[in-house]
Amino acid sequence: MRNGWDDRDRNREHGGLAMGVLLIVLGVLILADEQFHIDWGRYGWPMFVIVPGVALLVLGLAVPSEGGLGMAIPGAIVLTVGLILAFQDSTGTYASWSYAWALVAPGSVGVSLFLYGLLHRRLDLLDAGLRTAAVGLGLFVGFGLFFENVIGIDEGGSTTVMRDAMPFLAVALGVIIVVLNILPRPHRSSDRPSPSDTWRNDSGSVPPAPQGPAGS
């Protein structure tokens, strides 16, 4: 019974924290608009996409139940779309949508799973998030090299920032992959999880401590 009350208290704390952060962000934006008369519609229109994405992501990450992923994943997708739009608007690289979609899905989905698993100590989501985010990054770099450096999709564009950056991104990603495969992986002395381990498995619960024989 005590565990039930502890879970409720923890849920309230997470929900209150998320609401507080959201109110702070909204307050700062409103104060900035009033003090500096910022024309968000003209100079910062991607903010209308970024701010709702941040709100959904923060609220989703603060919910410890599985329902939090229902807000965190869409929030990460909306936030990533807003950030890509902001970058494209400032550089004029709208043709990059031909491969930037990989950062939205599966890239941002993997990031939201990783963050949720990290905050709520879910090893299954942590591993799935890393793998999904890595697939998204790999697709982004691979298709980016093809569209930008092989066929020159934006040859007539006003900027070559993505064409110049893609080879460096490919080299950096390749180095990371090689290093991760070369480094020795830690070996576990036992496959049995420790009773004091606070990281949860797929069922979302900590394995109970082994019980001794009756009457001992």
N, C-alpha and C. Protein backbone atom coordinates (compact mmCIF):
# COMPACT_ATOMS: atom_id res chain seq x y z
N MET A 1 0.83 -1.20 0.00
CA MET A 1 0.00 0.00 0.00
C MET A 1 0.87 1.25 0.00
N ARG A 2 1.97 1.14 0.72
CA ARG A 2 2.87 2.28 0.79
C ARG A 2 3.46 2.60 -0.58
N ASN A 3 3.77 1.56 -1.35
CA ASN A 3 4.34 1.79 -2.67
C ASN A 3 3.37 2.53 -3.57
N GLY A 4 2.06 2.24 -3.42
CA GLY A 4 1.07 2.93 -4.21
C GLY A 4 1.05 4.43 -3.91
N TRP A 5 1.10 4.76 -2.62
CA TRP A 5 1.13 6.18 -2.25
C TRP A 5 2.42 6.84 -2.71
N ASP A 6 3.54 6.13 -2.65
CA ASP A 6 4.81 6.69 -3.11
C ASP A 6 4.74 6.99 -4.60
N ASP A 7 4.12 6.10 -5.38
CA ASP A 7 4.00 6.32 -6.82
C ASP A 7 3.13 7.53 -7.11
N ARG A 8 2.05 7.68 -6.32
CA ARG A 8 1.19 8.84 -6.53
C ARG A 8 1.92 10.13 -6.20
N ASP A 9 2.67 10.13 -5.13
CA ASP A 9 3.42 11.33 -4.76
C ASP A 9 4.46 11.66 -5.82
N ARG A 10 5.11 10.61 -6.35
CA ARG A 10 6.12 10.83 -7.38
C ARG A 10 5.48 11.39 -8.64
N ASN A 11 4.31 10.87 -9.01
CA ASN A 11 3.61 11.38 -10.18
C ASN A 11 3.25 12.85 -10.02
N ARG A 12 2.80 13.22 -8.82
CA ARG A 12 2.44 14.62 -8.58
C ARG A 12 3.67 15.51 -8.66
N GLU A 13 4.81 15.03 -8.15
CA GLU A 13 6.02 15.82 -8.21
C GLU A 13 6.46 16.05 -9.65
N HIS A 14 6.43 14.99 -10.46
CA HIS A 14 6.81 15.13 -11.86
C HIS A 14 5.86 16.05 -12.60
N GLY A 15 4.56 15.89 -12.36
CA GLY A 15 3.59 16.74 -13.02
C GLY A 15 3.73 18.19 -12.63
N GLY A 16 3.98 18.45 -11.34
CA GLY A 16 4.18 19.82 -10.89
C GLY A 16 5.43 20.44 -11.47
N LEU A 17 6.50 19.65 -11.56
CA LEU A 17 7.74 20.15 -12.14
C LEU A 17 7.55 20.52 -13.61
N ALA A 18 6.88 19.64 -14.35
CA ALA A 18 6.64 19.92 -15.76
C ALA A 18 5.79 21.17 -15.95
N MET A 19 4.74 21.30 -15.14
CA MET A 19 3.89 22.48 -15.25
C MET A 19 4.66 23.75 -14.90
N GLY A 20 5.52 23.68 -13.89
CA GLY A 20 6.34 24.83 -13.53
C GLY A 20 7.27 25.25 -14.64
N VAL A 21 7.95 24.28 -15.26
CA VAL A 21 8.85 24.59 -16.37
C VAL A 21 8.09 25.20 -17.53
N LEU A 22 6.92 24.65 -17.84
CA LEU A 22 6.12 25.17 -18.94
C LEU A 22 5.68 26.60 -18.68
N LEU A 23 5.25 26.91 -17.43
CA LEU A 23 4.85 28.27 -17.10
C LEU A 23 6.02 29.24 -17.19
N ILE A 24 7.21 28.80 -16.78
CA ILE A 24 8.40 29.65 -16.88
C ILE A 24 8.71 29.99 -18.33
N VAL A 25 8.67 28.97 -19.19
CA VAL A 25 8.96 29.19 -20.61
C VAL A 25 7.95 30.15 -21.23
N LEU A 26 6.66 29.92 -20.95
CA LEU A 26 5.64 30.81 -21.49
C LEU A 26 5.79 32.23 -20.96
N GLY A 27 6.10 32.36 -19.67
CA GLY A 27 6.28 33.68 -19.09
C GLY A 27 7.45 34.43 -19.69
N VAL A 28 8.56 33.74 -19.90
CA VAL A 28 9.73 34.37 -20.51
C VAL A 28 9.42 34.85 -21.93
N LEU A 29 8.72 34.02 -22.69
CA LEU A 29 8.37 34.41 -24.06
C LEU A 29 7.45 35.63 -24.08
N ILE A 30 6.48 35.66 -23.18
CA ILE A 30 5.55 36.80 -23.14
C ILE A 30 6.27 38.07 -22.70
N LEU A 31 7.14 37.95 -21.68
CA LEU A 31 7.91 39.11 -21.23
C LEU A 31 8.83 39.63 -22.33
N ALA A 32 9.47 38.72 -23.05
CA ALA A 32 10.34 39.14 -24.15
C ALA A 32 9.55 39.86 -25.23
N ASP A 33 8.35 39.37 -25.49
CA ASP A 33 7.51 40.01 -26.51
C ASP A 33 7.08 41.40 -26.08
N GLU A 34 6.73 41.56 -24.79
CA GLU A 34 6.28 42.86 -24.30
C GLU A 34 7.42 43.86 -24.19
N GLN A 35 8.60 43.41 -23.75
CA GLN A 35 9.72 44.32 -23.53
C GLN A 35 10.43 44.71 -24.83
N PHE A 36 10.58 43.75 -25.72
CA PHE A 36 11.36 44.00 -26.94
C PHE A 36 10.50 44.06 -28.19
N HIS A 37 9.18 43.86 -28.03
CA HIS A 37 8.25 43.95 -29.15
C HIS A 37 8.71 43.06 -30.31
N ILE A 38 8.95 41.80 -30.00
CA ILE A 38 9.43 40.86 -30.99
C ILE A 38 8.29 40.45 -31.91
N ASP A 39 8.53 40.54 -33.19
CA ASP A 39 7.53 40.11 -34.18
C ASP A 39 7.77 38.64 -34.48
N TRP A 40 7.15 37.77 -33.68
CA TRP A 40 7.38 36.35 -33.83
C TRP A 40 6.90 35.86 -35.20
N GLY A 41 5.85 36.44 -35.72
CA GLY A 41 5.31 35.98 -36.99
C GLY A 41 6.22 36.26 -38.17
N ARG A 42 7.07 37.28 -38.05
CA ARG A 42 7.93 37.65 -39.19
C ARG A 42 9.33 37.09 -39.05
N TYR A 43 9.91 37.21 -37.85
CA TYR A 43 11.30 36.83 -37.66
C TYR A 43 11.48 35.46 -37.01
N GLY A 44 10.51 35.03 -36.27
CA GLY A 44 10.68 33.76 -35.56
C GLY A 44 9.51 32.83 -35.73
N TRP A 45 8.94 32.76 -36.94
CA TRP A 45 7.74 31.94 -37.13
C TRP A 45 7.94 30.48 -36.79
N PRO A 46 9.16 29.89 -36.93
CA PRO A 46 9.30 28.49 -36.49
C PRO A 46 9.08 28.30 -35.00
N MET A 47 9.10 29.40 -34.23
CA MET A 47 8.84 29.28 -32.80
C MET A 47 7.42 28.78 -32.53
N PHE A 48 6.50 29.05 -33.44
CA PHE A 48 5.14 28.57 -33.27
C PHE A 48 5.06 27.05 -33.40
N VAL A 49 6.10 26.44 -33.96
CA VAL A 49 6.20 24.99 -34.03
C VAL A 49 7.07 24.46 -32.90
N ILE A 50 8.14 25.18 -32.58
CA ILE A 50 9.11 24.72 -31.58
C ILE A 50 8.50 24.72 -30.18
N VAL A 51 7.81 25.80 -29.81
CA VAL A 51 7.29 25.93 -28.44
C VAL A 51 6.28 24.83 -28.11
N PRO A 52 5.28 24.54 -28.95
CA PRO A 52 4.39 23.42 -28.63
C PRO A 52 5.12 22.09 -28.54
N GLY A 53 6.14 21.91 -29.40
CA GLY A 53 6.92 20.68 -29.33
C GLY A 53 7.65 20.54 -28.01
N VAL A 54 8.26 21.63 -27.54
CA VAL A 54 8.95 21.60 -26.25
C VAL A 54 7.97 21.31 -25.12
N ALA A 55 6.79 21.93 -25.17
CA ALA A 55 5.79 21.72 -24.12
C ALA A 55 5.35 20.26 -24.07
N LEU A 56 5.05 19.68 -25.23
CA LEU A 56 4.62 18.28 -25.27
C LEU A 56 5.73 17.35 -24.79
N LEU A 57 6.96 17.63 -25.21
CA LEU A 57 8.08 16.77 -24.83
C LEU A 57 8.33 16.82 -23.33
N VAL A 58 8.32 18.02 -22.75
CA VAL A 58 8.57 18.17 -21.32
C VAL A 58 7.47 17.50 -20.50
N LEU A 59 6.22 17.73 -20.89
CA LEU A 59 5.11 17.13 -20.17
C LEU A 59 5.14 15.60 -20.29
N GLY A 60 5.46 15.11 -21.47
CA GLY A 60 5.52 13.66 -21.66
C GLY A 60 6.62 13.02 -20.86
N LEU A 61 7.79 13.65 -20.82
CA LEU A 61 8.90 13.09 -20.05
C LEU A 61 8.63 13.11 -18.56
N ALA A 62 7.77 14.03 -18.12
CA ALA A 62 7.49 14.13 -16.69
C ALA A 62 6.49 13.09 -16.21
N VAL A 63 5.78 12.45 -17.11
CA VAL A 63 4.78 11.44 -16.72
C VAL A 63 5.48 10.08 -16.63
N PRO A 64 5.52 9.45 -15.46
CA PRO A 64 6.25 8.20 -15.31
C PRO A 64 5.56 6.99 -15.92
N SER A 65 4.26 7.07 -16.19
CA SER A 65 3.56 5.93 -16.77
C SER A 65 3.81 5.88 -18.27
N GLU A 66 3.39 4.77 -18.91
CA GLU A 66 3.60 4.61 -20.34
C GLU A 66 2.88 5.68 -21.14
N GLY A 67 1.84 6.26 -20.58
CA GLY A 67 1.12 7.31 -21.29
C GLY A 67 1.98 8.52 -21.58
N GLY A 68 3.05 8.69 -20.82
CA GLY A 68 3.93 9.81 -21.09
C GLY A 68 4.58 9.75 -22.46
N LEU A 69 4.82 8.54 -22.95
CA LEU A 69 5.39 8.41 -24.29
C LEU A 69 4.43 8.91 -25.35
N GLY A 70 3.13 8.86 -25.06
CA GLY A 70 2.14 9.36 -26.01
C GLY A 70 2.24 10.85 -26.23
N MET A 71 2.85 11.57 -25.29
CA MET A 71 3.10 12.99 -25.48
C MET A 71 4.55 13.27 -25.84
N ALA A 72 5.49 12.49 -25.29
CA ALA A 72 6.90 12.75 -25.52
C ALA A 72 7.29 12.52 -26.98
N ILE A 73 6.81 11.44 -27.57
CA ILE A 73 7.18 11.13 -28.96
C ILE A 73 6.62 12.18 -29.93
N PRO A 74 5.31 12.52 -29.89
CA PRO A 74 4.83 13.61 -30.77
C PRO A 74 5.53 14.94 -30.48
N GLY A 75 5.82 15.19 -29.20
CA GLY A 75 6.51 16.43 -28.87
C GLY A 75 7.89 16.51 -29.50
N ALA A 76 8.63 15.40 -29.46
CA ALA A 76 9.95 15.38 -30.09
C ALA A 76 9.86 15.54 -31.60
N ILE A 77 8.84 14.94 -32.21
CA ILE A 77 8.65 15.08 -33.66
C ILE A 77 8.36 16.53 -34.03
N VAL A 78 7.41 17.16 -33.31
CA VAL A 78 7.06 18.55 -33.59
C VAL A 78 8.26 19.46 -33.35
N LEU A 79 8.99 19.24 -32.26
CA LEU A 79 10.16 20.05 -31.96
C LEU A 79 11.23 19.92 -33.05
N THR A 80 11.48 18.70 -33.52
CA THR A 80 12.48 18.50 -34.55
C THR A 80 12.07 19.18 -35.86
N VAL A 81 10.79 19.08 -36.21
CA VAL A 81 10.31 19.77 -37.41
C VAL A 81 10.53 21.27 -37.28
N GLY A 82 10.22 21.83 -36.12
CA GLY A 82 10.42 23.26 -35.91
C GLY A 82 11.88 23.67 -36.01
N LEU A 83 12.78 22.86 -35.44
CA LEU A 83 14.21 23.19 -35.52
C LEU A 83 14.72 23.10 -36.96
N ILE A 84 14.26 22.11 -37.69
CA ILE A 84 14.67 22.00 -39.09
C ILE A 84 14.15 23.19 -39.90
N LEU A 85 12.90 23.57 -39.66
CA LEU A 85 12.34 24.73 -40.36
C LEU A 85 13.11 26.00 -40.03
N ALA A 86 13.51 26.16 -38.75
CA ALA A 86 14.28 27.34 -38.36
C ALA A 86 15.63 27.37 -39.07
N PHE A 87 16.29 26.22 -39.16
CA PHE A 87 17.58 26.15 -39.86
C PHE A 87 17.40 26.42 -41.35
N GLN A 88 16.39 25.83 -41.94
CA GLN A 88 16.17 26.04 -43.37
C GLN A 88 15.79 27.48 -43.68
N ASP A 89 15.02 28.09 -42.78
CA ASP A 89 14.62 29.47 -43.00
C ASP A 89 15.80 30.43 -42.92
N SER A 90 16.78 30.12 -42.07
CA SER A 90 17.94 31.00 -41.92
C SER A 90 19.01 30.75 -42.97
N THR A 91 19.02 29.57 -43.58
CA THR A 91 20.06 29.24 -44.56
C THR A 91 19.52 29.08 -45.98
N GLY A 92 18.22 28.98 -46.15
CA GLY A 92 17.65 28.81 -47.47
C GLY A 92 17.81 27.41 -48.04
N THR A 93 18.03 26.43 -47.17
CA THR A 93 18.26 25.06 -47.64
C THR A 93 16.99 24.22 -47.54
N TYR A 94 15.92 24.68 -48.18
CA TYR A 94 14.65 23.96 -48.10
C TYR A 94 14.69 22.64 -48.85
N ALA A 95 15.62 22.51 -49.81
CA ALA A 95 15.73 21.24 -50.54
C ALA A 95 16.23 20.11 -49.65
N SER A 96 16.74 20.45 -48.47
CA SER A 96 17.25 19.42 -47.57
C SER A 96 16.14 18.54 -47.00
N TRP A 97 14.86 18.90 -47.24
CA TRP A 97 13.77 18.04 -46.80
C TRP A 97 13.84 16.67 -47.47
N SER A 98 14.57 16.57 -48.59
CA SER A 98 14.67 15.29 -49.29
C SER A 98 15.36 14.23 -48.46
N TYR A 99 16.10 14.65 -47.41
CA TYR A 99 16.75 13.69 -46.52
C TYR A 99 16.61 14.07 -45.05
N ALA A 100 16.20 15.31 -44.75
CA ALA A 100 16.05 15.72 -43.35
C ALA A 100 14.91 15.02 -42.65
N TRP A 101 14.02 14.39 -43.43
CA TRP A 101 12.91 13.64 -42.82
C TRP A 101 13.43 12.55 -41.89
N ALA A 102 14.63 12.04 -42.15
CA ALA A 102 15.19 10.98 -41.30
C ALA A 102 15.45 11.46 -39.88
N LEU A 103 15.69 12.76 -39.70
CA LEU A 103 15.87 13.30 -38.35
C LEU A 103 14.54 13.37 -37.61
N VAL A 104 13.45 13.54 -38.36
CA VAL A 104 12.12 13.60 -37.74
C VAL A 104 11.69 12.20 -37.31
N ALA A 105 11.72 11.29 -38.27
CA ALA A 105 11.38 9.89 -37.98
C ALA A 105 12.24 9.02 -38.89
N PRO A 106 13.06 8.16 -38.28
CA PRO A 106 12.98 7.68 -36.88
C PRO A 106 13.86 8.43 -35.88
N GLY A 107 14.60 9.46 -36.32
CA GLY A 107 15.57 10.10 -35.44
C GLY A 107 15.01 10.65 -34.15
N SER A 108 14.02 11.56 -34.26
CA SER A 108 13.47 12.18 -33.05
C SER A 108 12.71 11.18 -32.19
N VAL A 109 12.13 10.17 -32.81
CA VAL A 109 11.46 9.13 -32.03
C VAL A 109 12.45 8.41 -31.14
N GLY A 110 13.61 8.08 -31.70
CA GLY A 110 14.65 7.43 -30.91
C GLY A 110 15.15 8.30 -29.78
N VAL A 111 15.30 9.60 -30.04
CA VAL A 111 15.77 10.52 -28.99
C VAL A 111 14.76 10.59 -27.85
N SER A 112 13.47 10.65 -28.18
CA SER A 112 12.45 10.71 -27.12
C SER A 112 12.43 9.42 -26.31
N LEU A 113 12.59 8.27 -26.96
CA LEU A 113 12.65 7.01 -26.23
C LEU A 113 13.87 6.97 -25.32
N PHE A 114 15.01 7.45 -25.82
CA PHE A 114 16.23 7.46 -25.01
C PHE A 114 16.08 8.37 -23.79
N LEU A 115 15.55 9.56 -23.99
CA LEU A 115 15.38 10.49 -22.87
C LEU A 115 14.40 9.93 -21.84
N TYR A 116 13.31 9.33 -22.31
CA TYR A 116 12.33 8.76 -21.38
C TYR A 116 12.95 7.60 -20.59
N GLY A 117 13.69 6.75 -21.29
CA GLY A 117 14.36 5.64 -20.60
C GLY A 117 15.40 6.12 -19.62
N LEU A 118 16.11 7.20 -19.96
CA LEU A 118 17.14 7.73 -19.07
C LEU A 118 16.52 8.34 -17.81
N LEU A 119 15.44 9.10 -17.98
CA LEU A 119 14.82 9.77 -16.84
C LEU A 119 14.09 8.81 -15.92
N HIS A 120 13.50 7.77 -16.50
CA HIS A 120 12.69 6.84 -15.71
C HIS A 120 13.35 5.49 -15.54
N ARG A 121 14.65 5.40 -15.85
CA ARG A 121 15.45 4.20 -15.60
C ARG A 121 14.83 2.96 -16.26
N ARG A 122 14.57 3.09 -17.56
CA ARG A 122 14.04 1.99 -18.34
C ARG A 122 15.11 1.53 -19.32
N LEU A 123 15.76 0.42 -19.01
CA LEU A 123 16.83 -0.08 -19.87
C LEU A 123 16.34 -0.44 -21.26
N ASP A 124 15.12 -0.99 -21.35
CA ASP A 124 14.60 -1.39 -22.66
C ASP A 124 14.41 -0.19 -23.57
N LEU A 125 13.85 0.91 -23.03
CA LEU A 125 13.65 2.11 -23.82
C LEU A 125 14.97 2.80 -24.11
N LEU A 126 15.91 2.72 -23.20
CA LEU A 126 17.22 3.33 -23.40
C LEU A 126 17.92 2.69 -24.60
N ASP A 127 17.91 1.37 -24.65
CA ASP A 127 18.56 0.66 -25.74
C ASP A 127 17.81 0.87 -27.06
N ALA A 128 16.49 0.78 -27.03
CA ALA A 128 15.70 0.98 -28.24
C ALA A 128 15.85 2.39 -28.78
N GLY A 129 15.92 3.37 -27.87
CA GLY A 129 16.08 4.76 -28.30
C GLY A 129 17.41 5.00 -28.98
N LEU A 130 18.48 4.45 -28.42
CA LEU A 130 19.80 4.61 -29.04
C LEU A 130 19.84 4.01 -30.43
N ARG A 131 19.29 2.82 -30.56
CA ARG A 131 19.31 2.15 -31.86
C ARG A 131 18.46 2.91 -32.88
N THR A 132 17.29 3.37 -32.48
CA THR A 132 16.42 4.09 -33.40
C THR A 132 17.01 5.43 -33.81
N ALA A 133 17.59 6.15 -32.85
CA ALA A 133 18.22 7.43 -33.17
C ALA A 133 19.42 7.23 -34.09
N ALA A 134 20.18 6.16 -33.88
CA ALA A 134 21.33 5.88 -34.73
C ALA A 134 20.89 5.58 -36.16
N VAL A 135 19.79 4.85 -36.32
CA VAL A 135 19.26 4.58 -37.66
C VAL A 135 18.86 5.88 -38.35
N GLY A 136 18.18 6.76 -37.61
CA GLY A 136 17.78 8.04 -38.18
C GLY A 136 18.97 8.88 -38.61
N LEU A 137 20.01 8.93 -37.77
CA LEU A 137 21.20 9.71 -38.11
C LEU A 137 21.92 9.11 -39.32
N GLY A 138 22.00 7.78 -39.36
CA GLY A 138 22.62 7.13 -40.50
C GLY A 138 21.89 7.39 -41.80
N LEU A 139 20.55 7.34 -41.77
CA LEU A 139 19.76 7.64 -42.96
C LEU A 139 19.94 9.09 -43.39
N PHE A 140 20.00 9.98 -42.42
CA PHE A 140 20.18 11.41 -42.72
C PHE A 140 21.51 11.64 -43.43
N VAL A 141 22.58 11.09 -42.90
CA VAL A 141 23.89 11.29 -43.51
C VAL A 141 23.98 10.58 -44.86
N GLY A 142 23.48 9.35 -44.94
CA GLY A 142 23.57 8.60 -46.19
C GLY A 142 22.80 9.27 -47.32
N PHE A 143 21.53 9.60 -47.09
CA PHE A 143 20.74 10.26 -48.12
C PHE A 143 21.26 11.67 -48.38
N GLY A 144 21.79 12.33 -47.33
CA GLY A 144 22.35 13.66 -47.53
C GLY A 144 23.54 13.65 -48.47
N LEU A 145 24.42 12.69 -48.30
CA LEU A 145 25.56 12.55 -49.21
C LEU A 145 25.09 12.31 -50.64
N PHE A 146 24.07 11.46 -50.79
CA PHE A 146 23.59 11.14 -52.13
C PHE A 146 22.96 12.35 -52.80
N PHE A 147 22.03 13.00 -52.10
CA PHE A 147 21.31 14.11 -52.72
C PHE A 147 22.16 15.37 -52.88
N GLU A 148 23.01 15.65 -51.91
CA GLU A 148 23.78 16.89 -51.94
C GLU A 148 25.08 16.75 -52.74
N ASN A 149 25.83 15.66 -52.52
CA ASN A 149 27.17 15.56 -53.09
C ASN A 149 27.26 14.69 -54.33
N VAL A 150 26.25 13.83 -54.55
CA VAL A 150 26.30 12.97 -55.73
C VAL A 150 25.47 13.57 -56.87
N ILE A 151 24.19 13.83 -56.61
CA ILE A 151 23.35 14.35 -57.69
C ILE A 151 23.20 15.87 -57.62
N GLY A 152 23.64 16.52 -56.53
CA GLY A 152 23.58 17.98 -56.44
C GLY A 152 22.17 18.51 -56.51
N ILE A 153 21.33 18.14 -55.55
CA ILE A 153 19.93 18.53 -55.59
C ILE A 153 19.72 20.03 -55.47
N ASP A 154 20.65 20.73 -54.83
CA ASP A 154 20.50 22.18 -54.61
C ASP A 154 21.60 22.95 -55.32
N GLU A 155 21.94 22.55 -56.55
CA GLU A 155 23.01 23.21 -57.29
C GLU A 155 22.70 24.67 -57.53
N GLY A 156 21.44 24.98 -57.77
CA GLY A 156 21.09 26.36 -58.05
C GLY A 156 20.69 27.14 -56.81
N GLY A 157 20.87 26.55 -55.64
CA GLY A 157 20.48 27.21 -54.41
C GLY A 157 21.42 28.32 -54.02
N SER A 158 20.99 29.09 -53.01
CA SER A 158 21.77 30.25 -52.58
C SER A 158 22.86 29.88 -51.59
N THR A 159 22.90 28.64 -51.12
CA THR A 159 23.90 28.25 -50.14
C THR A 159 24.33 26.81 -50.36
N THR A 160 25.54 26.53 -49.96
CA THR A 160 26.08 25.17 -50.09
C THR A 160 26.46 24.62 -48.72
N VAL A 161 25.82 25.12 -47.68
CA VAL A 161 26.22 24.75 -46.32
C VAL A 161 26.05 23.26 -46.09
N MET A 162 24.96 22.67 -46.52
CA MET A 162 24.75 21.24 -46.30
C MET A 162 25.67 20.41 -47.17
N ARG A 163 25.93 20.84 -48.40
CA ARG A 163 26.83 20.10 -49.29
C ARG A 163 28.23 20.07 -48.71
N ASP A 164 28.65 21.16 -48.09
CA ASP A 164 29.98 21.21 -47.49
C ASP A 164 30.05 20.43 -46.19
N ALA A 165 28.93 20.37 -45.46
CA ALA A 165 28.94 19.73 -44.15
C ALA A 165 28.81 18.22 -44.23
N MET A 166 28.16 17.70 -45.26
CA MET A 166 27.86 16.27 -45.33
C MET A 166 29.10 15.37 -45.27
N PRO A 167 30.18 15.66 -46.02
CA PRO A 167 31.36 14.80 -45.90
C PRO A 167 31.93 14.75 -44.49
N PHE A 168 31.93 15.88 -43.78
CA PHE A 168 32.43 15.89 -42.40
C PHE A 168 31.52 15.08 -41.48
N LEU A 169 30.21 15.20 -41.69
CA LEU A 169 29.28 14.41 -40.89
C LEU A 169 29.46 12.92 -41.15
N ALA A 170 29.69 12.56 -42.41
CA ALA A 170 29.89 11.15 -42.75
C ALA A 170 31.15 10.61 -42.09
N VAL A 171 32.24 11.39 -42.14
CA VAL A 171 33.49 10.95 -41.51
C VAL A 171 33.32 10.82 -40.00
N ALA A 172 32.66 11.81 -39.37
CA ALA A 172 32.46 11.77 -37.92
C ALA A 172 31.62 10.56 -37.52
N LEU A 173 30.54 10.30 -38.28
CA LEU A 173 29.69 9.16 -37.96
C LEU A 173 30.45 7.85 -38.16
N GLY A 174 31.25 7.77 -39.22
CA GLY A 174 32.05 6.57 -39.45
C GLY A 174 33.05 6.32 -38.35
N VAL A 175 33.70 7.38 -37.88
CA VAL A 175 34.68 7.23 -36.79
C VAL A 175 34.00 6.73 -35.52
N ILE A 176 32.81 7.28 -35.22
CA ILE A 176 32.08 6.85 -34.03
C ILE A 176 31.73 5.38 -34.12
N ILE A 177 31.26 4.95 -35.29
CA ILE A 177 30.88 3.54 -35.46
C ILE A 177 32.09 2.64 -35.30
N VAL A 178 33.22 3.02 -35.91
CA VAL A 178 34.43 2.20 -35.81
C VAL A 178 34.92 2.11 -34.37
N VAL A 179 34.92 3.25 -33.66
CA VAL A 179 35.40 3.25 -32.28
C VAL A 179 34.50 2.40 -31.39
N LEU A 180 33.18 2.51 -31.58
CA LEU A 180 32.26 1.72 -30.77
C LEU A 180 32.43 0.22 -31.00
N ASN A 181 32.81 -0.16 -32.22
CA ASN A 181 33.00 -1.57 -32.52
C ASN A 181 34.37 -2.08 -32.10
N ILE A 182 35.34 -1.17 -31.96
CA ILE A 182 36.69 -1.59 -31.56
C ILE A 182 36.79 -1.71 -30.05
N LEU A 183 36.16 -0.76 -29.33
CA LEU A 183 36.27 -0.77 -27.87
C LEU A 183 35.69 -2.06 -27.30
N PRO A 184 36.38 -2.65 -26.33
CA PRO A 184 35.86 -3.87 -25.71
C PRO A 184 34.60 -3.58 -24.92
N ARG A 185 33.66 -4.49 -24.99
CA ARG A 185 32.42 -4.34 -24.24
C ARG A 185 32.58 -4.94 -22.85
N PRO A 186 32.01 -4.29 -21.86
CA PRO A 186 32.12 -4.84 -20.49
C PRO A 186 31.39 -6.16 -20.36
N HIS A 187 32.01 -7.11 -19.67
CA HIS A 187 31.40 -8.42 -19.45
C HIS A 187 30.78 -8.46 -18.06
N ARG A 188 29.58 -8.97 -18.01
CA ARG A 188 28.90 -9.11 -16.72
C ARG A 188 29.34 -10.40 -16.04
N SER A 189 29.56 -10.30 -14.77
CA SER A 189 29.95 -11.49 -14.01
C SER A 189 28.77 -12.44 -13.84
N SER A 190 27.57 -11.91 -13.88
CA SER A 190 26.38 -12.74 -13.72
C SER A 190 25.23 -12.09 -14.46
N ASP A 191 24.39 -12.90 -15.08
CA ASP A 191 23.24 -12.37 -15.78
C ASP A 191 22.08 -12.05 -14.85
N ARG A 192 22.16 -12.49 -13.61
CA ARG A 192 21.07 -12.24 -12.66
C ARG A 192 21.12 -10.79 -12.20
N PRO A 193 20.02 -10.03 -12.33
CA PRO A 193 20.02 -8.64 -11.88
C PRO A 193 20.11 -8.55 -10.36
N SER A 194 20.74 -7.49 -9.91
CA SER A 194 20.89 -7.28 -8.47
C SER A 194 19.58 -6.79 -7.88
N PRO A 195 19.22 -7.24 -6.67
CA PRO A 195 17.98 -6.77 -6.05
C PRO A 195 17.98 -5.27 -5.82
N SER A 196 19.17 -4.67 -5.65
CA SER A 196 19.24 -3.23 -5.40
C SER A 196 19.29 -2.42 -6.67
N ASP A 197 19.23 -3.07 -7.83
CA ASP A 197 19.29 -2.37 -9.10
C ASP A 197 17.99 -1.61 -9.31
N THR A 198 18.10 -0.28 -9.52
CA THR A 198 16.91 0.54 -9.69
C THR A 198 16.49 0.66 -11.14
N TRP A 199 17.26 0.12 -12.06
CA TRP A 199 16.86 0.13 -13.46
C TRP A 199 15.84 -0.97 -13.69
N ARG A 200 14.76 -0.67 -14.37
CA ARG A 200 13.65 -1.59 -14.56
C ARG A 200 13.78 -2.34 -15.87
N ASN A 201 13.11 -3.49 -15.90
CA ASN A 201 13.09 -4.28 -17.12
C ASN A 201 11.86 -3.95 -17.94
N ASP A 202 11.52 -4.81 -18.91
CA ASP A 202 10.39 -4.54 -19.80
C ASP A 202 9.08 -4.42 -19.06
N SER A 203 8.93 -5.14 -17.99
CA SER A 203 7.66 -5.10 -17.25
C SER A 203 7.53 -3.86 -16.39
N GLY A 204 8.62 -3.10 -16.26
CA GLY A 204 8.56 -1.86 -15.50
C GLY A 204 8.69 -2.05 -14.01
N SER A 205 9.16 -3.18 -13.54
CA SER A 205 9.30 -3.44 -12.10
C SER A 205 10.69 -3.97 -11.83
N VAL A 206 11.13 -3.76 -10.59
CA VAL A 206 12.43 -4.25 -10.18
C VAL A 206 12.31 -5.71 -9.75
N PRO A 207 13.16 -6.60 -10.26
CA PRO A 207 13.05 -8.02 -9.86
C PRO A 207 13.18 -8.16 -8.36
N PRO A 208 12.34 -8.99 -7.73
CA PRO A 208 12.40 -9.13 -6.27
C PRO A 208 13.64 -9.90 -5.83
N ALA A 209 14.00 -9.69 -4.58
CA ALA A 209 15.17 -10.38 -4.04
C ALA A 209 14.87 -11.86 -3.89
N PRO A 210 15.85 -12.72 -4.14
CA PRO A 210 15.61 -14.16 -4.02
C PRO A 210 15.28 -14.55 -2.58
N GLN A 211 14.29 -15.44 -2.41
CA GLN A 211 13.84 -15.87 -1.11
C GLN A 211 14.54 -17.18 -0.74
N GLY A 212 14.90 -17.31 0.52
CA GLY A 212 15.54 -18.52 1.01
C GLY A 212 14.50 -19.60 1.25
N PRO A 213 14.92 -20.82 1.51
CA PRO A 213 13.97 -21.91 1.78
C PRO A 213 13.17 -21.64 3.04
N ALA A 214 11.95 -22.12 3.03
CA ALA A 214 11.05 -21.89 4.16
C ALA A 214 11.62 -22.53 5.43
N GLY A 215 11.49 -21.79 6.50
CA GLY A 215 11.93 -22.30 7.79
C GLY A 215 13.40 -22.09 8.08
N SER A 216 14.14 -21.47 7.13
CA SER A 216 15.56 -21.23 7.36
C SER A 216 15.75 -19.93 8.10
